[in-house]
Amino acid sequence: MADTVLYEVSDGLATITLNRPEAMNALNIATKVALRDAAREAAADEAVRAILLTAAGDRAFCVGQDLKEHIGLLQAQHSGSDAGVMSTVREHYNPIVRALTGAPKPVVAAVNGVAAGAGFGFALAADYRIVADTAAFNTSFAGVALTADSGISWTLPRVVGPSRAADLLLFPRSVSAQQAYEWGIANRLVPAAELRTEAEKVARSLAEGPTLAYAALKESLAFGLAHSLDETLEKEDELQSRAGASQDHTIAVRAFVGKEKPKYVGR
């Protein structure tokens, strides 16, 4: 895996770190490939019970596409030597978002600075966002004459509502961490100096929790957004039966009756 993305697993927690702080963690091809592979690995690894997505440095979480690399690819496309410059959405962004949203375990994003374009999209693909008070968000796409990608046309309206999402996409601008918290983009707002500690604390608590129940909750929420009440009730019945048959459910009930803290096994 390229050193532009760091990957570490410890005690059930996979930490994925974007590692191009000198470029504000912009997404060049090597970074996109490494991030895609890390997200897929973490999602598929049964030993991983939670994922923490974060970034190096204190200026940016991820400013999206590396435009310095992108302009060279555009020039190659215009000269006829490369016709696949925009295939990055299909080859990189879509698989990354699918891996994060579809992971059968909770995903926490620790947003340390600017999250723009696809960086904003990746943060929204997480289940829970802990945001430094110095961070900011920007859709960016229309500012470079592009449309939305990285799932943001699906995730953003579900977080802030369709009218506000249209406003942010049509008129890209910086949204402060405080405003992001008030709009629900940030689940938790913390001082920048405390971000990594707080994010690891939250992510590790999830890694120690009832993993199958968390996976079912993710599935249930996603299903409910796109289906009727009756269909969702049927899905809840299916998922609750599955959760009720897990070892973790038995562990939780025994611990509750015994007035003890449950020690979940993730099965």
C-alpha atoms as a PDB file:
ATOM      1  CA  MET A   1       0.000   0.000   0.000  1.00  0.00           C
ATOM      2  CA  ALA A   2       1.348   3.433  -0.958  1.00  0.00           C
ATOM      3  CA  ASP A   3       2.644   5.596   1.884  1.00  0.00           C
ATOM      4  CA  THR A   4       0.130   8.270   0.852  1.00  0.00           C
ATOM      5  CA  VAL A   5      -2.368   6.199   2.857  1.00  0.00           C
ATOM      6  CA  LEU A   6      -1.447   4.521   6.134  1.00  0.00           C
ATOM      7  CA  TYR A   7      -3.308   1.442   7.341  1.00  0.00           C
ATOM      8  CA  GLU A   8      -3.132  -0.081  10.809  1.00  0.00           C
ATOM      9  CA  VAL A   9      -5.262  -2.595  12.702  1.00  0.00           C
ATOM     10  CA  SER A  10      -5.134  -2.710  16.492  1.00  0.00           C
ATOM     11  CA  ASP A  11      -7.577  -4.431  18.875  1.00  0.00           C
ATOM     12  CA  GLY A  12     -10.335  -4.624  16.286  1.00  0.00           C
ATOM     13  CA  LEU A  13      -9.954  -1.031  15.072  1.00  0.00           C
ATOM     14  CA  ALA A  14      -8.687  -0.310  11.570  1.00  0.00           C
ATOM     15  CA  THR A  15      -7.252   3.186  11.202  1.00  0.00           C
ATOM     16  CA  ILE A  16      -6.979   4.575   7.672  1.00  0.00           C
ATOM     17  CA  THR A  17      -4.940   7.774   7.470  1.00  0.00           C
ATOM     18  CA  LEU A  18      -4.672   9.988   4.405  1.00  0.00           C
ATOM     19  CA  ASN A  19      -1.002  10.913   4.421  1.00  0.00           C
ATOM     20  CA  ARG A  20      -0.276  13.774   2.021  1.00  0.00           C
ATOM     21  CA  PRO A  21      -0.336  16.711   4.450  1.00  0.00           C
ATOM     22  CA  GLU A  22       1.994  18.751   2.211  1.00  0.00           C
ATOM     23  CA  ALA A  23      -0.715  18.597  -0.489  1.00  0.00           C
ATOM     24  CA  MET A  24      -3.633  19.022   1.950  1.00  0.00           C
ATOM     25  CA  ASN A  25      -4.293  15.319   1.433  1.00  0.00           C
ATOM     26  CA  ALA A  26      -5.375  15.870  -2.160  1.00  0.00           C
ATOM     27  CA  LEU A  27      -6.300  12.754  -4.075  1.00  0.00           C
ATOM     28  CA  ASN A  28      -3.775  11.794  -6.710  1.00  0.00           C
ATOM     29  CA  ILE A  29      -4.068   8.409  -8.400  1.00  0.00           C
ATOM     30  CA  ALA A  30      -1.754   6.619  -5.976  1.00  0.00           C
ATOM     31  CA  THR A  31      -3.732   7.925  -2.999  1.00  0.00           C
ATOM     32  CA  LYS A  32      -7.090   6.973  -4.504  1.00  0.00           C
ATOM     33  CA  VAL A  33      -5.929   3.449  -5.257  1.00  0.00           C
ATOM     34  CA  ALA A  34      -4.461   3.017  -1.766  1.00  0.00           C
ATOM     35  CA  LEU A  35      -7.554   4.453  -0.072  1.00  0.00           C
ATOM     36  CA  ARG A  36      -9.834   2.207  -2.120  1.00  0.00           C
ATOM     37  CA  ASP A  37      -7.783  -0.869  -1.245  1.00  0.00           C
ATOM     38  CA  ALA A  38      -7.575   0.036   2.449  1.00  0.00           C
ATOM     39  CA  ALA A  39     -11.314   0.696   2.708  1.00  0.00           C
ATOM     40  CA  ARG A  40     -12.095  -2.614   1.015  1.00  0.00           C
ATOM     41  CA  GLU A  41      -9.647  -4.504   3.244  1.00  0.00           C
ATOM     42  CA  ALA A  42     -11.047  -2.990   6.424  1.00  0.00           C
ATOM     43  CA  ALA A  43     -14.628  -3.667   5.363  1.00  0.00           C
ATOM     44  CA  ALA A  44     -13.927  -7.319   4.533  1.00  0.00           C
ATOM     45  CA  ASP A  45     -11.673  -8.196   7.474  1.00  0.00           C
ATOM     46  CA  GLU A  46     -13.747 -10.005  10.122  1.00  0.00           C
ATOM     47  CA  ALA A  47     -11.151  -9.109  12.740  1.00  0.00           C
ATOM     48  CA  VAL A  48     -11.908  -5.416  12.161  1.00  0.00           C
ATOM     49  CA  ARG A  49     -14.933  -4.289  14.164  1.00  0.00           C
ATOM     50  CA  ALA A  50     -14.753  -0.541  13.515  1.00  0.00           C
ATOM     51  CA  ILE A  51     -13.003   1.780  11.065  1.00  0.00           C
ATOM     52  CA  LEU A  52     -11.478   5.188  11.773  1.00  0.00           C
ATOM     53  CA  LEU A  53     -10.872   7.400   8.735  1.00  0.00           C
ATOM     54  CA  THR A  54      -8.578  10.320   9.454  1.00  0.00           C
ATOM     55  CA  ALA A  55      -5.820  12.423   7.907  1.00  0.00           C
ATOM     56  CA  ALA A  56      -2.322  13.647   8.651  1.00  0.00           C
ATOM     57  CA  GLY A  57      -1.571  17.299   9.339  1.00  0.00           C
ATOM     58  CA  ASP A  58      -3.776  20.015  10.765  1.00  0.00           C
ATOM     59  CA  ARG A  59      -4.810  21.952   7.652  1.00  0.00           C
ATOM     60  CA  ALA A  60      -6.929  19.503   5.732  1.00  0.00           C
ATOM     61  CA  PHE A  61      -8.838  16.261   5.999  1.00  0.00           C
ATOM     62  CA  CYS A  62      -8.923  16.029   2.207  1.00  0.00           C
ATOM     63  CA  VAL A  63      -9.395  18.745  -0.408  1.00  0.00           C
ATOM     64  CA  GLY A  64     -10.591  16.316  -3.063  1.00  0.00           C
ATOM     65  CA  GLN A  65      -9.050  15.717  -6.465  1.00  0.00           C
ATOM     66  CA  ASP A  66      -5.380  16.665  -6.902  1.00  0.00           C
ATOM     67  CA  LEU A  67      -5.909  19.332  -9.564  1.00  0.00           C
ATOM     68  CA  LYS A  68      -2.200  19.606 -10.352  1.00  0.00           C
ATOM     69  CA  GLU A  69      -2.194  15.988 -11.465  1.00  0.00           C
ATOM     70  CA  HIS A  70      -5.648  16.344 -12.987  1.00  0.00           C
ATOM     71  CA  ILE A  71      -4.679  19.154 -15.366  1.00  0.00           C
ATOM     72  CA  GLY A  72      -1.929  16.996 -16.817  1.00  0.00           C
ATOM     73  CA  LEU A  73      -4.392  14.166 -17.356  1.00  0.00           C
ATOM     74  CA  LEU A  74      -6.833  16.549 -19.028  1.00  0.00           C
ATOM     75  CA  GLN A  75      -4.128  17.767 -21.380  1.00  0.00           C
ATOM     76  CA  ALA A  76      -3.278  14.174 -22.271  1.00  0.00           C
ATOM     77  CA  GLN A  77      -6.951  13.499 -22.936  1.00  0.00           C
ATOM     78  CA  HIS A  78      -7.259  16.543 -25.197  1.00  0.00           C
ATOM     79  CA  SER A  79      -4.195  15.441 -27.139  1.00  0.00           C
ATOM     80  CA  GLY A  80      -5.780  12.047 -27.682  1.00  0.00           C
ATOM     81  CA  SER A  81      -3.225  10.042 -25.696  1.00  0.00           C
ATOM     82  CA  ASP A  82      -5.521   9.333 -22.738  1.00  0.00           C
ATOM     83  CA  ALA A  83      -9.311   9.135 -22.825  1.00  0.00           C
ATOM     84  CA  GLY A  84      -9.941   7.866 -19.300  1.00  0.00           C
ATOM     85  CA  VAL A  85      -9.342  10.884 -17.085  1.00  0.00           C
ATOM     86  CA  MET A  86     -12.873  10.894 -15.617  1.00  0.00           C
ATOM     87  CA  SER A  87     -12.927   7.131 -15.067  1.00  0.00           C
ATOM     88  CA  THR A  88     -11.639   7.891 -11.562  1.00  0.00           C
ATOM     89  CA  VAL A  89     -15.254   8.175 -10.378  1.00  0.00           C
ATOM     90  CA  ARG A  90     -16.001   4.609 -11.448  1.00  0.00           C
ATOM     91  CA  GLU A  91     -12.605   3.136 -10.594  1.00  0.00           C
ATOM     92  CA  HIS A  92     -11.845   4.927  -7.327  1.00  0.00           C
ATOM     93  CA  TYR A  93     -14.515   7.153  -5.775  1.00  0.00           C
ATOM     94  CA  ASN A  94     -17.467   4.805  -6.141  1.00  0.00           C
ATOM     95  CA  PRO A  95     -15.652   1.757  -4.697  1.00  0.00           C
ATOM     96  CA  ILE A  96     -14.375   3.851  -1.763  1.00  0.00           C
ATOM     97  CA  VAL A  97     -17.856   5.112  -0.905  1.00  0.00           C
ATOM     98  CA  ARG A  98     -19.384   1.659  -1.329  1.00  0.00           C
ATOM     99  CA  ALA A  99     -16.761   0.120   0.960  1.00  0.00           C
ATOM    100  CA  LEU A 100     -17.350   2.700   3.698  1.00  0.00           C
ATOM    101  CA  THR A 101     -21.141   2.795   3.556  1.00  0.00           C
ATOM    102  CA  GLY A 102     -21.473  -0.951   3.037  1.00  0.00           C
ATOM    103  CA  ALA A 103     -18.965  -2.034   5.667  1.00  0.00           C
ATOM    104  CA  PRO A 104     -20.722  -4.317   8.186  1.00  0.00           C
ATOM    105  CA  LYS A 105     -19.202  -2.298  11.009  1.00  0.00           C
ATOM    106  CA  PRO A 106     -19.273   1.351  12.108  1.00  0.00           C
ATOM    107  CA  VAL A 107     -17.104   3.912  10.325  1.00  0.00           C
ATOM    108  CA  VAL A 108     -15.945   7.057  12.148  1.00  0.00           C
ATOM    109  CA  ALA A 109     -14.457  10.034  10.298  1.00  0.00           C
ATOM    110  CA  ALA A 110     -12.144  12.356  12.239  1.00  0.00           C
ATOM    111  CA  VAL A 111     -12.210  15.597  10.238  1.00  0.00           C
ATOM    112  CA  ASN A 112      -9.158  17.613  11.205  1.00  0.00           C
ATOM    113  CA  GLY A 113      -9.324  20.431   8.634  1.00  0.00           C
ATOM    114  CA  VAL A 114     -10.806  21.322   5.262  1.00  0.00           C
ATOM    115  CA  ALA A 115     -12.985  18.620   3.699  1.00  0.00           C
ATOM    116  CA  ALA A 116     -13.765  19.603   0.117  1.00  0.00           C
ATOM    117  CA  GLY A 117     -15.148  17.860  -2.941  1.00  0.00           C
ATOM    118  CA  ALA A 118     -14.582  14.121  -2.674  1.00  0.00           C
ATOM    119  CA  GLY A 119     -13.056  14.703   0.768  1.00  0.00           C
ATOM    120  CA  PHE A 120     -16.441  16.019   1.892  1.00  0.00           C
ATOM    121  CA  GLY A 121     -18.094  13.044   0.214  1.00  0.00           C
ATOM    122  CA  PHE A 122     -15.869  10.541   2.019  1.00  0.00           C
ATOM    123  CA  ALA A 123     -16.595  12.199   5.371  1.00  0.00           C
ATOM    124  CA  LEU A 124     -20.326  11.932   4.674  1.00  0.00           C
ATOM    125  CA  ALA A 125     -19.900   8.247   3.797  1.00  0.00           C
ATOM    126  CA  ALA A 126     -18.885   7.592   7.410  1.00  0.00           C
ATOM    127  CA  ASP A 127     -21.520   6.694   9.983  1.00  0.00           C
ATOM    128  CA  TYR A 128     -20.268   9.196  12.548  1.00  0.00           C
ATOM    129  CA  ARG A 129     -18.252  12.387  12.094  1.00  0.00           C
ATOM    130  CA  ILE A 130     -16.117  13.954  14.801  1.00  0.00           C
ATOM    131  CA  VAL A 131     -14.979  17.367  13.645  1.00  0.00           C
ATOM    132  CA  ALA A 132     -12.271  19.731  14.863  1.00  0.00           C
ATOM    133  CA  ASP A 133     -13.497  23.234  15.614  1.00  0.00           C
ATOM    134  CA  THR A 134     -11.004  24.532  13.023  1.00  0.00           C
ATOM    135  CA  ALA A 135     -12.361  22.349  10.206  1.00  0.00           C
ATOM    136  CA  ALA A 136     -14.513  23.469   7.272  1.00  0.00           C
ATOM    137  CA  PHE A 137     -16.545  21.861   4.493  1.00  0.00           C
ATOM    138  CA  ASN A 138     -16.995  22.802   0.844  1.00  0.00           C
ATOM    139  CA  THR A 139     -18.723  20.942  -1.987  1.00  0.00           C
ATOM    140  CA  SER A 140     -16.324  22.579  -4.509  1.00  0.00           C
ATOM    141  CA  PHE A 141     -17.593  20.729  -7.606  1.00  0.00           C
ATOM    142  CA  ALA A 142     -19.388  23.569  -9.394  1.00  0.00           C
ATOM    143  CA  GLY A 143     -16.386  25.798  -8.712  1.00  0.00           C
ATOM    144  CA  VAL A 144     -14.369  23.718 -11.177  1.00  0.00           C
ATOM    145  CA  ALA A 145     -17.295  23.128 -13.570  1.00  0.00           C
ATOM    146  CA  LEU A 146     -18.014  19.592 -12.381  1.00  0.00           C
ATOM    147  CA  THR A 147     -21.052  17.828 -10.970  1.00  0.00           C
ATOM    148  CA  ALA A 148     -21.252  15.907  -7.716  1.00  0.00           C
ATOM    149  CA  ASP A 149     -19.455  12.619  -7.140  1.00  0.00           C
ATOM    150  CA  SER A 150     -18.231  10.499  -4.194  1.00  0.00           C
ATOM    151  CA  GLY A 151     -21.867   9.854  -3.285  1.00  0.00           C
ATOM    152  CA  ILE A 152     -22.462  13.412  -2.130  1.00  0.00           C
ATOM    153  CA  SER A 153     -25.636  13.877  -4.186  1.00  0.00           C
ATOM    154  CA  TRP A 154     -27.091  10.969  -2.146  1.00  0.00           C
ATOM    155  CA  THR A 155     -25.578  11.619   1.289  1.00  0.00           C
ATOM    156  CA  LEU A 156     -25.701  15.421   1.549  1.00  0.00           C
ATOM    157  CA  PRO A 157     -29.476  15.885   1.062  1.00  0.00           C
ATOM    158  CA  ARG A 158     -30.092  13.131   3.593  1.00  0.00           C
ATOM    159  CA  VAL A 159     -28.007  15.005   6.150  1.00  0.00           C
ATOM    160  CA  VAL A 160     -28.996  18.638   5.526  1.00  0.00           C
ATOM    161  CA  GLY A 161     -32.158  18.311   3.419  1.00  0.00           C
ATOM    162  CA  PRO A 162     -32.571  18.674  -0.358  1.00  0.00           C
ATOM    163  CA  SER A 163     -32.991  22.465  -0.426  1.00  0.00           C
ATOM    164  CA  ARG A 164     -29.838  23.180   1.586  1.00  0.00           C
ATOM    165  CA  ALA A 165     -27.924  20.533  -0.365  1.00  0.00           C
ATOM    166  CA  ALA A 166     -28.866  22.233  -3.646  1.00  0.00           C
ATOM    167  CA  ASP A 167     -27.722  25.575  -2.231  1.00  0.00           C
ATOM    168  CA  LEU A 168     -24.362  24.170  -1.121  1.00  0.00           C
ATOM    169  CA  LEU A 169     -23.801  22.417  -4.447  1.00  0.00           C
ATOM    170  CA  LEU A 170     -24.859  25.308  -6.688  1.00  0.00           C
ATOM    171  CA  PHE A 171     -23.022  27.938  -4.642  1.00  0.00           C
ATOM    172  CA  PRO A 172     -19.937  26.199  -3.200  1.00  0.00           C
ATOM    173  CA  ARG A 173     -18.465  27.982  -0.206  1.00  0.00           C
ATOM    174  CA  SER A 174     -16.751  27.246   3.056  1.00  0.00           C
ATOM    175  CA  VAL A 175     -19.029  25.982   5.818  1.00  0.00           C
ATOM    176  CA  SER A 176     -17.508  26.395   9.269  1.00  0.00           C
ATOM    177  CA  ALA A 177     -17.258  23.566  11.763  1.00  0.00           C
ATOM    178  CA  GLN A 178     -19.828  25.256  14.003  1.00  0.00           C
ATOM    179  CA  GLN A 179     -22.292  25.628  11.125  1.00  0.00           C
ATOM    180  CA  ALA A 180     -21.631  22.030  10.096  1.00  0.00           C
ATOM    181  CA  TYR A 181     -22.480  20.921  13.620  1.00  0.00           C
ATOM    182  CA  GLU A 182     -25.699  22.927  13.649  1.00  0.00           C
ATOM    183  CA  TRP A 183     -26.710  21.408  10.296  1.00  0.00           C
ATOM    184  CA  GLY A 184     -25.917  17.844  11.350  1.00  0.00           C
ATOM    185  CA  ILE A 185     -22.864  17.388   9.114  1.00  0.00           C
ATOM    186  CA  ALA A 186     -20.759  17.037  12.247  1.00  0.00           C
ATOM    187  CA  ASN A 187     -22.047  14.654  14.900  1.00  0.00           C
ATOM    188  CA  ARG A 188     -19.583  15.910  17.475  1.00  0.00           C
ATOM    189  CA  LEU A 189     -17.517  19.106  17.583  1.00  0.00           C
ATOM    190  CA  VAL A 190     -14.281  19.127  19.591  1.00  0.00           C
ATOM    191  CA  PRO A 191     -11.245  21.390  20.021  1.00  0.00           C
ATOM    192  CA  ALA A 192      -8.666  20.635  17.332  1.00  0.00           C
ATOM    193  CA  ALA A 193      -6.075  19.577  19.904  1.00  0.00           C
ATOM    194  CA  GLU A 194      -8.456  16.918  21.237  1.00  0.00           C
ATOM    195  CA  LEU A 195      -9.669  15.525  17.909  1.00  0.00           C
ATOM    196  CA  ARG A 196      -7.445  12.474  17.551  1.00  0.00           C
ATOM    197  CA  THR A 197      -7.859  11.429  21.185  1.00  0.00           C
ATOM    198  CA  GLU A 198     -11.629  11.822  21.099  1.00  0.00           C
ATOM    199  CA  ALA A 199     -11.991  10.114  17.716  1.00  0.00           C
ATOM    200  CA  GLU A 200      -9.921   7.117  18.814  1.00  0.00           C
ATOM    201  CA  LYS A 201     -11.918   6.888  22.033  1.00  0.00           C
ATOM    202  CA  VAL A 202     -15.212   6.811  20.131  1.00  0.00           C
ATOM    203  CA  ALA A 203     -13.941   4.420  17.455  1.00  0.00           C
ATOM    204  CA  ARG A 204     -12.468   2.017  20.004  1.00  0.00           C
ATOM    205  CA  SER A 205     -15.693   1.994  22.006  1.00  0.00           C
ATOM    206  CA  LEU A 206     -17.509   0.982  18.812  1.00  0.00           C
ATOM    207  CA  ALA A 207     -14.871  -1.678  18.082  1.00  0.00           C
ATOM    208  CA  GLU A 208     -15.647  -3.175  21.488  1.00  0.00           C
ATOM    209  CA  GLY A 209     -19.397  -3.084  20.912  1.00  0.00           C
ATOM    210  CA  PRO A 210     -21.972  -5.463  19.395  1.00  0.00           C
ATOM    211  CA  THR A 211     -20.649  -5.505  15.822  1.00  0.00           C
ATOM    212  CA  LEU A 212     -23.512  -7.447  14.252  1.00  0.00           C
ATOM    213  CA  ALA A 213     -26.052  -5.098  15.824  1.00  0.00           C
ATOM    214  CA  TYR A 214     -24.171  -2.088  14.458  1.00  0.00           C
ATOM    215  CA  ALA A 215     -24.089  -3.676  11.000  1.00  0.00           C
ATOM    216  CA  ALA A 216     -27.828  -4.292  11.179  1.00  0.00           C
ATOM    217  CA  LEU A 217     -28.449  -0.704  12.259  1.00  0.00           C
ATOM    218  CA  LYS A 218     -26.487   0.566   9.241  1.00  0.00           C
ATOM    219  CA  GLU A 219     -28.462  -1.707   6.940  1.00  0.00           C
ATOM    220  CA  SER A 220     -31.773  -0.745   8.504  1.00  0.00           C
ATOM    221  CA  LEU A 221     -31.144   2.997   8.233  1.00  0.00           C
ATOM    222  CA  ALA A 222     -30.065   2.759   4.596  1.00  0.00           C
ATOM    223  CA  PHE A 223     -33.053   0.552   3.749  1.00  0.00           C
ATOM    224  CA  GLY A 224     -35.557   2.813   5.496  1.00  0.00           C
ATOM    225  CA  LEU A 225     -34.455   5.847   3.505  1.00  0.00           C
ATOM    226  CA  ALA A 226     -35.459   4.224   0.235  1.00  0.00           C
ATOM    227  CA  HIS A 227     -38.439   2.032   1.140  1.00  0.00           C
ATOM    228  CA  SER A 228     -41.961   2.284   2.484  1.00  0.00           C
ATOM    229  CA  LEU A 229     -42.897   1.858   6.139  1.00  0.00           C
ATOM    230  CA  ASP A 230     -44.320  -1.625   5.519  1.00  0.00           C
ATOM    231  CA  GLU A 231     -41.154  -2.707   3.701  1.00  0.00           C
ATOM    232  CA  THR A 232     -39.017  -1.249   6.469  1.00  0.00           C
ATOM    233  CA  LEU A 233     -41.017  -3.067   9.149  1.00  0.00           C
ATOM    234  CA  GLU A 234     -40.365  -6.335   7.327  1.00  0.00           C
ATOM    235  CA  LYS A 235     -36.664  -5.501   7.113  1.00  0.00           C
ATOM    236  CA  GLU A 236     -36.565  -4.694  10.833  1.00  0.00           C
ATOM    237  CA  ASP A 237     -38.130  -8.067  11.586  1.00  0.00           C
ATOM    238  CA  GLU A 238     -35.501  -9.811   9.464  1.00  0.00           C
ATOM    239  CA  LEU A 239     -32.599  -7.913  10.993  1.00  0.00           C
ATOM    240  CA  GLN A 240     -33.867  -8.227  14.566  1.00  0.00           C
ATOM    241  CA  SER A 241     -34.153 -11.989  14.178  1.00  0.00           C
ATOM    242  CA  ARG A 242     -30.563 -12.071  13.014  1.00  0.00           C
ATOM    243  CA  ALA A 243     -29.349  -9.843  15.857  1.00  0.00           C
ATOM    244  CA  GLY A 244     -31.326 -11.842  18.413  1.00  0.00           C
ATOM    245  CA  ALA A 245     -29.530 -15.009  17.363  1.00  0.00           C
ATOM    246  CA  SER A 246     -26.078 -13.498  17.918  1.00  0.00           C
ATOM    247  CA  GLN A 247     -23.733 -14.351  20.756  1.00  0.00           C
ATOM    248  CA  ASP A 248     -23.514 -10.678  21.592  1.00  0.00           C
ATOM    249  CA  HIS A 249     -27.249 -10.478  22.318  1.00  0.00           C
ATOM    250  CA  THR A 250     -27.008 -13.330  24.808  1.00  0.00           C
ATOM    251  CA  ILE A 251     -23.928 -11.726  26.353  1.00  0.00           C
ATOM    252  CA  ALA A 252     -25.749  -8.388  26.660  1.00  0.00           C
ATOM    253  CA  VAL A 253     -28.839  -9.870  28.309  1.00  0.00           C
ATOM    254  CA  ARG A 254     -26.798 -11.921  30.782  1.00  0.00           C
ATOM    255  CA  ALA A 255     -24.713  -8.857  31.640  1.00  0.00           C
ATOM    256  CA  PHE A 256     -27.830  -6.737  32.132  1.00  0.00           C
ATOM    257  CA  VAL A 257     -29.436  -9.289  34.437  1.00  0.00           C
ATOM    258  CA  GLY A 258     -26.173  -9.721  36.332  1.00  0.00           C
ATOM    259  CA  LYS A 259     -25.626  -5.948  36.490  1.00  0.00           C
ATOM    260  CA  GLU A 260     -22.267  -6.324  34.765  1.00  0.00           C
ATOM    261  CA  LYS A 261     -20.605  -4.620  31.817  1.00  0.00           C
ATOM    262  CA  PRO A 262     -20.942  -6.798  28.705  1.00  0.00           C
ATOM    263  CA  LYS A 263     -17.812  -8.002  26.937  1.00  0.00           C
ATOM    264  CA  TYR A 264     -18.853  -8.399  23.327  1.00  0.00           C
ATOM    265  CA  VAL A 265     -17.152 -10.785  20.897  1.00  0.00           C
ATOM    266  CA  GLY A 266     -18.502  -9.334  17.658  1.00  0.00           C
ATOM    267  CA  ARG A 267     -20.464 -12.468  16.715  1.00  0.00           C
END
